[in-house]
Amino acid sequence: MGSLDETLAPIWRRRCFRGGVIENENVGADSASSAWAAIATLNGLPATTMPNGRSESGLPIGVQIVGGYLEDRSTIAFAGLIEREFGGFTPPPI
């Protein structure tokens, strides 16, 4: 056992904000926030994102599943396993 099949990582460094509410006008310009996405993107690795739990205020918390080169199907299958164990997506309260 010397290698990992998938790696779990955050999607973003901040909690999500409620739909329709923008806390910071420069959210898109914050390059430090997108550093987690760069793990897969810059290395040409497949990544699947999915909700996995909720914050104290009921908003979804996401997880990024990063797989090995050309292993797209394994990240999607792993997301299915997480969904089966922890429950599927439910819309946040509005």
PDB file of N, CA and C in Angstrom:
ATOM      1  N   MET A   1       0.828  -1.189   0.000  1.00  0.00           N
ATOM      2  CA  MET A   1       0.000   0.000   0.000  1.00  0.00           C
ATOM      3  C   MET A   1       0.867   1.244   0.000  1.00  0.00           C
ATOM      4  N   GLY A   2       1.326   1.668  -1.131  1.00  0.00           N
ATOM      5  CA  GLY A   2       2.171   2.836  -1.182  1.00  0.00           C
ATOM      6  C   GLY A   2       1.537   4.034  -1.838  1.00  0.00           C
ATOM      7  N   SER A   3       0.326   3.896  -2.348  1.00  0.00           N
ATOM      8  CA  SER A   3      -0.285   5.029  -3.040  1.00  0.00           C
ATOM      9  C   SER A   3      -1.735   5.204  -2.609  1.00  0.00           C
ATOM     10  N   LEU A   4      -2.261   6.365  -2.904  1.00  0.00           N
ATOM     11  CA  LEU A   4      -3.652   6.679  -2.605  1.00  0.00           C
ATOM     12  C   LEU A   4      -4.453   6.696  -3.897  1.00  0.00           C
ATOM     13  N   ASP A   5      -5.690   6.273  -3.822  1.00  0.00           N
ATOM     14  CA  ASP A   5      -6.540   6.323  -5.001  1.00  0.00           C
ATOM     15  C   ASP A   5      -7.171   7.701  -5.175  1.00  0.00           C
ATOM     16  N   GLU A   6      -7.695   8.258  -4.087  1.00  0.00           N
ATOM     17  CA  GLU A   6      -8.304   9.585  -4.118  1.00  0.00           C
ATOM     18  C   GLU A   6      -7.785  10.397  -2.934  1.00  0.00           C
ATOM     19  N   THR A   7      -7.828  11.707  -3.103  1.00  0.00           N
ATOM     20  CA  THR A   7      -7.465  12.627  -2.034  1.00  0.00           C
ATOM     21  C   THR A   7      -8.632  13.564  -1.814  1.00  0.00           C
ATOM     22  N   LEU A   8      -9.008  13.793  -0.572  1.00  0.00           N
ATOM     23  CA  LEU A   8     -10.083  14.734  -0.248  1.00  0.00           C
ATOM     24  C   LEU A   8      -9.470  16.069   0.141  1.00  0.00           C
ATOM     25  N   ALA A   9     -10.081  17.139  -0.349  1.00  0.00           N
ATOM     26  CA  ALA A   9      -9.589  18.486  -0.059  1.00  0.00           C
ATOM     27  C   ALA A   9     -10.782  19.439  -0.011  1.00  0.00           C
ATOM     28  N   PRO A  10     -10.617  20.573   0.645  1.00  0.00           N
ATOM     29  CA  PRO A  10     -11.678  21.588   0.591  1.00  0.00           C
ATOM     30  C   PRO A  10     -11.838  22.104  -0.840  1.00  0.00           C
ATOM     31  N   ILE A  11     -12.968  22.701  -1.109  1.00  0.00           N
ATOM     32  CA  ILE A  11     -13.191  23.325  -2.416  1.00  0.00           C
ATOM     33  C   ILE A  11     -12.741  24.776  -2.374  1.00  0.00           C
ATOM     34  N   TRP A  12     -13.013  25.442  -1.277  1.00  0.00           N
ATOM     35  CA  TRP A  12     -12.811  26.884  -1.130  1.00  0.00           C
ATOM     36  C   TRP A  12     -12.353  27.127   0.283  1.00  0.00           C
ATOM     37  N   ARG A  13     -11.634  28.185   0.548  1.00  0.00           N
ATOM     38  CA  ARG A  13     -11.144  28.411   1.906  1.00  0.00           C
ATOM     39  C   ARG A  13     -12.149  29.104   2.821  1.00  0.00           C
ATOM     40  N   ARG A  14     -13.267  29.524   2.278  1.00  0.00           N
ATOM     41  CA  ARG A  14     -14.301  30.182   3.085  1.00  0.00           C
ATOM     42  C   ARG A  14     -15.588  29.374   3.057  1.00  0.00           C
ATOM     43  N   ARG A  15     -16.454  29.675   4.029  1.00  0.00           N
ATOM     44  CA  ARG A  15     -17.791  29.093   3.962  1.00  0.00           C
ATOM     45  C   ARG A  15     -18.543  29.746   2.824  1.00  0.00           C
ATOM     46  N   CYS A  16     -19.509  29.035   2.300  1.00  0.00           N
ATOM     47  CA  CYS A  16     -20.333  29.655   1.266  1.00  0.00           C
ATOM     48  C   CYS A  16     -21.254  30.687   1.925  1.00  0.00           C
ATOM     49  N   PHE A  17     -21.761  31.592   1.119  1.00  0.00           N
ATOM     50  CA  PHE A  17     -22.694  32.583   1.644  1.00  0.00           C
ATOM     51  C   PHE A  17     -24.064  32.292   1.060  1.00  0.00           C
ATOM     52  N   ARG A  18     -25.079  32.755   1.760  1.00  0.00           N
ATOM     53  CA  ARG A  18     -26.454  32.500   1.363  1.00  0.00           C
ATOM     54  C   ARG A  18     -26.706  33.100  -0.016  1.00  0.00           C
ATOM     55  N   GLY A  19     -27.427  32.370  -0.866  1.00  0.00           N
ATOM     56  CA  GLY A  19     -27.740  32.823  -2.221  1.00  0.00           C
ATOM     57  C   GLY A  19     -28.334  34.219  -2.243  1.00  0.00           C
ATOM     58  N   GLY A  20     -27.860  35.048  -3.155  1.00  0.00           N
ATOM     59  CA  GLY A  20     -28.362  36.405  -3.289  1.00  0.00           C
ATOM     60  C   GLY A  20     -27.678  37.402  -2.383  1.00  0.00           C
ATOM     61  N   VAL A  21     -26.804  36.931  -1.496  1.00  0.00           N
ATOM     62  CA  VAL A  21     -26.107  37.814  -0.562  1.00  0.00           C
ATOM     63  C   VAL A  21     -24.620  37.763  -0.885  1.00  0.00           C
ATOM     64  N   ILE A  22     -24.044  38.900  -1.215  1.00  0.00           N
ATOM     65  CA  ILE A  22     -22.617  38.961  -1.492  1.00  0.00           C
ATOM     66  C   ILE A  22     -21.961  39.699  -0.343  1.00  0.00           C
ATOM     67  N   GLU A  23     -21.146  38.970   0.423  1.00  0.00           N
ATOM     68  CA  GLU A  23     -20.493  39.554   1.590  1.00  0.00           C
ATOM     69  C   GLU A  23     -19.313  40.434   1.213  1.00  0.00           C
ATOM     70  N   ASN A  24     -18.690  40.111   0.086  1.00  0.00           N
ATOM     71  CA  ASN A  24     -17.484  40.828  -0.316  1.00  0.00           C
ATOM     72  C   ASN A  24     -17.511  40.955  -1.835  1.00  0.00           C
ATOM     73  N   GLU A  25     -17.507  42.150  -2.356  1.00  0.00           N
ATOM     74  CA  GLU A  25     -17.595  42.355  -3.799  1.00  0.00           C
ATOM     75  C   GLU A  25     -16.415  41.754  -4.548  1.00  0.00           C
ATOM     76  N   ASN A  26     -15.287  41.495  -3.866  1.00  0.00           N
ATOM     77  CA  ASN A  26     -14.091  40.970  -4.517  1.00  0.00           C
ATOM     78  C   ASN A  26     -13.932  39.460  -4.341  1.00  0.00           C
ATOM     79  N   VAL A  27     -15.016  38.753  -4.074  1.00  0.00           N
ATOM     80  CA  VAL A  27     -14.926  37.317  -3.851  1.00  0.00           C
ATOM     81  C   VAL A  27     -14.246  36.626  -5.026  1.00  0.00           C
ATOM     82  N   GLY A  28     -14.595  36.970  -6.254  1.00  0.00           N
ATOM     83  CA  GLY A  28     -14.000  36.335  -7.422  1.00  0.00           C
ATOM     84  C   GLY A  28     -12.543  36.680  -7.616  1.00  0.00           C
ATOM     85  N   ALA A  29     -12.099  37.791  -7.072  1.00  0.00           N
ATOM     86  CA  ALA A  29     -10.719  38.239  -7.263  1.00  0.00           C
ATOM     87  C   ALA A  29      -9.777  37.691  -6.199  1.00  0.00           C
ATOM     88  N   ASP A  30     -10.281  36.925  -5.269  1.00  0.00           N
ATOM     89  CA  ASP A  30      -9.479  36.407  -4.176  1.00  0.00           C
ATOM     90  C   ASP A  30      -8.755  35.135  -4.616  1.00  0.00           C
ATOM     91  N   SER A  31      -7.540  35.273  -5.116  1.00  0.00           N
ATOM     92  CA  SER A  31      -6.815  34.125  -5.662  1.00  0.00           C
ATOM     93  C   SER A  31      -6.452  33.105  -4.593  1.00  0.00           C
ATOM     94  N   ALA A  32      -6.303  33.530  -3.353  1.00  0.00           N
ATOM     95  CA  ALA A  32      -5.989  32.575  -2.292  1.00  0.00           C
ATOM     96  C   ALA A  32      -7.138  31.607  -2.069  1.00  0.00           C
ATOM     97  N   SER A  33      -8.361  32.056  -2.299  1.00  0.00           N
ATOM     98  CA  SER A  33      -9.516  31.186  -2.128  1.00  0.00           C
ATOM     99  C   SER A  33      -9.538  30.058  -3.141  1.00  0.00           C
ATOM    100  N   SER A  34      -9.037  30.309  -4.333  1.00  0.00           N
ATOM    101  CA  SER A  34      -9.087  29.284  -5.379  1.00  0.00           C
ATOM    102  C   SER A  34      -7.872  28.361  -5.364  1.00  0.00           C
ATOM    103  N   ALA A  35      -6.995  28.511  -4.386  1.00  0.00           N
ATOM    104  CA  ALA A  35      -5.792  27.676  -4.330  1.00  0.00           C
ATOM    105  C   ALA A  35      -6.125  26.194  -4.222  1.00  0.00           C
ATOM    106  N   TRP A  36      -7.210  25.858  -3.539  1.00  0.00           N
ATOM    107  CA  TRP A  36      -7.574  24.449  -3.395  1.00  0.00           C
ATOM    108  C   TRP A  36      -7.949  23.835  -4.735  1.00  0.00           C
ATOM    109  N   ALA A  37      -8.613  24.586  -5.590  1.00  0.00           N
ATOM    110  CA  ALA A  37      -8.962  24.063  -6.917  1.00  0.00           C
ATOM    111  C   ALA A  37      -7.722  23.844  -7.762  1.00  0.00           C
ATOM    112  N   ALA A  38      -6.680  24.621  -7.511  1.00  0.00           N
ATOM    113  CA  ALA A  38      -5.448  24.524  -8.291  1.00  0.00           C
ATOM    114  C   ALA A  38      -4.728  23.194  -8.082  1.00  0.00           C
ATOM    115  N   ILE A  39      -4.963  22.532  -6.958  1.00  0.00           N
ATOM    116  CA  ILE A  39      -4.325  21.239  -6.703  1.00  0.00           C
ATOM    117  C   ILE A  39      -4.583  20.289  -7.865  1.00  0.00           C
ATOM    118  N   ALA A  40      -5.821  20.215  -8.295  1.00  0.00           N
ATOM    119  CA  ALA A  40      -6.165  19.333  -9.411  1.00  0.00           C
ATOM    120  C   ALA A  40      -5.920  20.010 -10.751  1.00  0.00           C
ATOM    121  N   THR A  41      -6.379  21.231 -10.888  1.00  0.00           N
ATOM    122  CA  THR A  41      -6.350  21.916 -12.177  1.00  0.00           C
ATOM    123  C   THR A  41      -4.948  22.077 -12.741  1.00  0.00           C
ATOM    124  N   LEU A  42      -4.032  22.570 -11.962  1.00  0.00           N
ATOM    125  CA  LEU A  42      -2.682  22.821 -12.453  1.00  0.00           C
ATOM    126  C   LEU A  42      -1.896  21.547 -12.747  1.00  0.00           C
ATOM    127  N   ASN A  43      -2.321  20.439 -12.134  1.00  0.00           N
ATOM    128  CA  ASN A  43      -1.633  19.166 -12.349  1.00  0.00           C
ATOM    129  C   ASN A  43      -2.337  18.271 -13.360  1.00  0.00           C
ATOM    130  N   GLY A  44      -3.430  18.750 -13.944  1.00  0.00           N
ATOM    131  CA  GLY A  44      -4.158  17.970 -14.931  1.00  0.00           C
ATOM    132  C   GLY A  44      -4.835  16.741 -14.355  1.00  0.00           C
ATOM    133  N   LEU A  45      -5.236  16.823 -13.086  1.00  0.00           N
ATOM    134  CA  LEU A  45      -5.877  15.692 -12.424  1.00  0.00           C
ATOM    135  C   LEU A  45      -7.391  15.876 -12.393  1.00  0.00           C
ATOM    136  N   PRO A  46      -8.144  14.792 -12.434  1.00  0.00           N
ATOM    137  CA  PRO A  46      -9.596  14.914 -12.349  1.00  0.00           C
ATOM    138  C   PRO A  46     -10.024  15.242 -10.924  1.00  0.00           C
ATOM    139  N   ALA A  47     -11.084  16.007 -10.814  1.00  0.00           N
ATOM    140  CA  ALA A  47     -11.639  16.330  -9.497  1.00  0.00           C
ATOM    141  C   ALA A  47     -13.156  16.374  -9.600  1.00  0.00           C
ATOM    142  N   THR A  48     -13.795  15.856  -8.591  1.00  0.00           N
ATOM    143  CA  THR A  48     -15.249  15.885  -8.479  1.00  0.00           C
ATOM    144  C   THR A  48     -15.569  16.635  -7.194  1.00  0.00           C
ATOM    145  N   THR A  49     -16.500  17.554  -7.246  1.00  0.00           N
ATOM    146  CA  THR A  49     -16.913  18.266  -6.040  1.00  0.00           C
ATOM    147  C   THR A  49     -18.328  17.862  -5.678  1.00  0.00           C
ATOM    148  N   MET A  50     -18.592  17.879  -4.389  1.00  0.00           N
ATOM    149  CA  MET A  50     -19.932  17.499  -3.924  1.00  0.00           C
ATOM    150  C   MET A  50     -20.178  18.081  -2.537  1.00  0.00           C
ATOM    151  N   PRO A  51     -21.462  18.268  -2.190  1.00  0.00           N
ATOM    152  CA  PRO A  51     -21.757  18.709  -0.821  1.00  0.00           C
ATOM    153  C   PRO A  51     -21.572  17.533   0.130  1.00  0.00           C
ATOM    154  N   ASN A  52     -21.078  17.833   1.327  1.00  0.00           N
ATOM    155  CA  ASN A  52     -20.891  16.791   2.327  1.00  0.00           C
ATOM    156  C   ASN A  52     -21.051  17.397   3.709  1.00  0.00           C
ATOM    157  N   GLY A  53     -22.267  17.613   4.095  1.00  0.00           N
ATOM    158  CA  GLY A  53     -22.549  18.188   5.393  1.00  0.00           C
ATOM    159  C   GLY A  53     -23.045  19.616   5.283  1.00  0.00           C
ATOM    160  N   ARG A  54     -23.319  20.196   6.436  1.00  0.00           N
ATOM    161  CA  ARG A  54     -23.851  21.557   6.505  1.00  0.00           C
ATOM    162  C   ARG A  54     -23.144  22.358   7.587  1.00  0.00           C
ATOM    163  N   SER A  55     -23.098  23.671   7.369  1.00  0.00           N
ATOM    164  CA  SER A  55     -22.538  24.569   8.380  1.00  0.00           C
ATOM    165  C   SER A  55     -23.557  24.762   9.500  1.00  0.00           C
ATOM    166  N   GLU A  56     -23.150  25.501  10.525  1.00  0.00           N
ATOM    167  CA  GLU A  56     -24.063  25.783  11.644  1.00  0.00           C
ATOM    168  C   GLU A  56     -25.330  26.483  11.176  1.00  0.00           C
ATOM    169  N   SER A  57     -25.212  27.275  10.090  1.00  0.00           N
ATOM    170  CA  SER A  57     -26.381  28.005   9.590  1.00  0.00           C
ATOM    171  C   SER A  57     -27.158  27.219   8.540  1.00  0.00           C
ATOM    172  N   GLY A  58     -26.774  25.965   8.299  1.00  0.00           N
ATOM    173  CA  GLY A  58     -27.526  25.117   7.387  1.00  0.00           C
ATOM    174  C   GLY A  58     -27.092  25.155   5.935  1.00  0.00           C
ATOM    175  N   LEU A  59     -26.025  25.887   5.616  1.00  0.00           N
ATOM    176  CA  LEU A  59     -25.563  25.947   4.226  1.00  0.00           C
ATOM    177  C   LEU A  59     -24.641  24.767   3.929  1.00  0.00           C
ATOM    178  N   PRO A  60     -24.618  24.291   2.682  1.00  0.00           N
ATOM    179  CA  PRO A  60     -23.807  23.118   2.369  1.00  0.00           C
ATOM    180  C   PRO A  60     -22.302  23.380   2.465  1.00  0.00           C
ATOM    181  N   ILE A  61     -21.586  22.366   2.909  1.00  0.00           N
ATOM    182  CA  ILE A  61     -20.127  22.382   2.940  1.00  0.00           C
ATOM    183  C   ILE A  61     -19.671  21.400   1.879  1.00  0.00           C
ATOM    184  N   GLY A  62     -18.765  21.823   1.026  1.00  0.00           N
ATOM    185  CA  GLY A  62     -18.342  20.973  -0.069  1.00  0.00           C
ATOM    186  C   GLY A  62     -17.018  20.286   0.172  1.00  0.00           C
ATOM    187  N   VAL A  63     -16.813  19.217  -0.562  1.00  0.00           N
ATOM    188  CA  VAL A  63     -15.560  18.487  -0.541  1.00  0.00           C
ATOM    189  C   VAL A  63     -15.136  18.251  -1.989  1.00  0.00           C
ATOM    190  N   GLN A  64     -13.843  18.307  -2.229  1.00  0.00           N
ATOM    191  CA  GLN A  64     -13.279  18.060  -3.549  1.00  0.00           C
ATOM    192  C   GLN A  64     -12.563  16.712  -3.507  1.00  0.00           C
ATOM    193  N   ILE A  65     -12.886  15.845  -4.447  1.00  0.00           N
ATOM    194  CA  ILE A  65     -12.260  14.534  -4.533  1.00  0.00           C
ATOM    195  C   ILE A  65     -11.307  14.578  -5.721  1.00  0.00           C
ATOM    196  N   VAL A  66     -10.022  14.475  -5.461  1.00  0.00           N
ATOM    197  CA  VAL A  66      -8.995  14.538  -6.503  1.00  0.00           C
ATOM    198  C   VAL A  66      -8.480  13.127  -6.754  1.00  0.00           C
ATOM    199  N   GLY A  67      -8.437  12.740  -8.022  1.00  0.00           N
ATOM    200  CA  GLY A  67      -7.981  11.400  -8.382  1.00  0.00           C
ATOM    201  C   GLY A  67      -6.685  11.428  -9.160  1.00  0.00           C
ATOM    202  N   GLY A  68      -6.230  10.255  -9.507  1.00  0.00           N
ATOM    203  CA  GLY A  68      -5.013  10.118 -10.295  1.00  0.00           C
ATOM    204  C   GLY A  68      -5.260  10.478 -11.754  1.00  0.00           C
ATOM    205  N   TYR A  69      -4.196  10.658 -12.481  1.00  0.00           N
ATOM    206  CA  TYR A  69      -4.255  11.028 -13.894  1.00  0.00           C
ATOM    207  C   TYR A  69      -5.122  10.030 -14.668  1.00  0.00           C
ATOM    208  N   LEU A  70      -6.079  10.559 -15.425  1.00  0.00           N
ATOM    209  CA  LEU A  70      -7.025   9.797 -16.236  1.00  0.00           C
ATOM    210  C   LEU A  70      -7.946   8.886 -15.421  1.00  0.00           C
ATOM    211  N   GLU A  71      -8.096   9.177 -14.146  1.00  0.00           N
ATOM    212  CA  GLU A  71      -8.965   8.380 -13.274  1.00  0.00           C
ATOM    213  C   GLU A  71     -10.269   9.109 -12.952  1.00  0.00           C
ATOM    214  N   ASP A  72     -10.848   9.758 -13.952  1.00  0.00           N
ATOM    215  CA  ASP A  72     -12.080  10.518 -13.755  1.00  0.00           C
ATOM    216  C   ASP A  72     -13.198   9.664 -13.154  1.00  0.00           C
ATOM    217  N   ARG A  73     -13.342   8.471 -13.646  1.00  0.00           N
ATOM    218  CA  ARG A  73     -14.438   7.616 -13.171  1.00  0.00           C
ATOM    219  C   ARG A  73     -14.283   7.248 -11.706  1.00  0.00           C
ATOM    220  N   SER A  74     -13.060   7.145 -11.230  1.00  0.00           N
ATOM    221  CA  SER A  74     -12.873   6.777  -9.829  1.00  0.00           C
ATOM    222  C   SER A  74     -13.303   7.895  -8.885  1.00  0.00           C
ATOM    223  N   THR A  75     -13.093   9.157  -9.274  1.00  0.00           N
ATOM    224  CA  THR A  75     -13.536  10.256  -8.400  1.00  0.00           C
ATOM    225  C   THR A  75     -15.063  10.327  -8.356  1.00  0.00           C
ATOM    226  N   ILE A  76     -15.698  10.066  -9.492  1.00  0.00           N
ATOM    227  CA  ILE A  76     -17.171  10.072  -9.534  1.00  0.00           C
ATOM    228  C   ILE A  76     -17.714   8.899  -8.715  1.00  0.00           C
ATOM    229  N   ALA A  77     -17.103   7.731  -8.852  1.00  0.00           N
ATOM    230  CA  ALA A  77     -17.534   6.565  -8.075  1.00  0.00           C
ATOM    231  C   ALA A  77     -17.343   6.807  -6.582  1.00  0.00           C
ATOM    232  N   PHE A  78     -16.232   7.445  -6.208  1.00  0.00           N
ATOM    233  CA  PHE A  78     -15.979   7.743  -4.798  1.00  0.00           C
ATOM    234  C   PHE A  78     -17.029   8.720  -4.263  1.00  0.00           C
ATOM    235  N   ALA A  79     -17.422   9.698  -5.081  1.00  0.00           N
ATOM    236  CA  ALA A  79     -18.490  10.625  -4.678  1.00  0.00           C
ATOM    237  C   ALA A  79     -19.779   9.845  -4.421  1.00  0.00           C
ATOM    238  N   GLY A  80     -20.045   8.844  -5.241  1.00  0.00           N
ATOM    239  CA  GLY A  80     -21.223   8.004  -5.023  1.00  0.00           C
ATOM    240  C   GLY A  80     -21.158   7.253  -3.706  1.00  0.00           C
ATOM    241  N   LEU A  81     -19.968   6.780  -3.331  1.00  0.00           N
ATOM    242  CA  LEU A  81     -19.813   6.100  -2.045  1.00  0.00           C
ATOM    243  C   LEU A  81     -20.052   7.052  -0.877  1.00  0.00           C
ATOM    244  N   ILE A  82     -19.522   8.271  -0.993  1.00  0.00           N
ATOM    245  CA  ILE A  82     -19.753   9.267   0.061  1.00  0.00           C
ATOM    246  C   ILE A  82     -21.243   9.576   0.174  1.00  0.00           C
ATOM    247  N   GLU A  83     -21.897   9.745  -0.968  1.00  0.00           N
ATOM    248  CA  GLU A  83     -23.333  10.035  -0.960  1.00  0.00           C
ATOM    249  C   GLU A  83     -24.110   8.889  -0.309  1.00  0.00           C
ATOM    250  N   ARG A  84     -23.741   7.666  -0.613  1.00  0.00           N
ATOM    251  CA  ARG A  84     -24.439   6.514  -0.043  1.00  0.00           C
ATOM    252  C   ARG A  84     -24.271   6.456   1.472  1.00  0.00           C
ATOM    253  N   GLU A  85     -23.069   6.762   1.956  1.00  0.00           N
ATOM    254  CA  GLU A  85     -22.801   6.678   3.392  1.00  0.00           C
ATOM    255  C   GLU A  85     -23.355   7.844   4.198  1.00  0.00           C
ATOM    256  N   PHE A  86     -23.339   9.050   3.617  1.00  0.00           N
ATOM    257  CA  PHE A  86     -23.712  10.249   4.373  1.00  0.00           C
ATOM    258  C   PHE A  86     -25.010  10.884   3.913  1.00  0.00           C
ATOM    259  N   GLY A  87     -25.675  10.340   2.913  1.00  0.00           N
ATOM    260  CA  GLY A  87     -26.922  10.905   2.421  1.00  0.00           C
ATOM    261  C   GLY A  87     -26.705  11.779   1.214  1.00  0.00           C
ATOM    262  N   GLY A  88     -27.712  11.909   0.403  1.00  0.00           N
ATOM    263  CA  GLY A  88     -27.617  12.694  -0.819  1.00  0.00           C
ATOM    264  C   GLY A  88     -27.859  14.175  -0.583  1.00  0.00           C
ATOM    265  N   PHE A  89     -27.831  14.908  -1.659  1.00  0.00           N
ATOM    266  CA  PHE A  89     -28.025  16.353  -1.603  1.00  0.00           C
ATOM    267  C   PHE A  89     -29.444  16.695  -1.183  1.00  0.00           C
ATOM    268  N   THR A  90     -29.569  17.646  -0.303  1.00  0.00           N
ATOM    269  CA  THR A  90     -30.864  18.243   0.025  1.00  0.00           C
ATOM    270  C   THR A  90     -30.684  19.754  -0.067  1.00  0.00           C
ATOM    271  N   PRO A  91     -31.626  20.453  -0.674  1.00  0.00           N
ATOM    272  CA  PRO A  91     -31.485  21.908  -0.822  1.00  0.00           C
ATOM    273  C   PRO A  91     -31.393  22.585   0.545  1.00  0.00           C
ATOM    274  N   PRO A  92     -30.579  23.652   0.644  1.00  0.00           N
ATOM    275  CA  PRO A  92     -30.478  24.389   1.905  1.00  0.00           C
ATOM    276  C   PRO A  92     -31.766  25.151   2.177  1.00  0.00           C
ATOM    277  N   PRO A  93     -32.001  25.518   3.421  1.00  0.00           N
ATOM    278  CA  PRO A  93     -33.186  26.319   3.731  1.00  0.00           C
ATOM    279  C   PRO A  93     -33.083  27.694   3.062  1.00  0.00           C
ATOM    280  N   ILE A  94     -34.196  28.183   2.626  1.00  0.00           N
ATOM    281  CA  ILE A  94     -34.221  29.501   1.952  1.00  0.00           C
ATOM    282  C   ILE A  94     -34.733  30.557   2.899  1.00  0.00           C
TER     283      ILE A  94
END
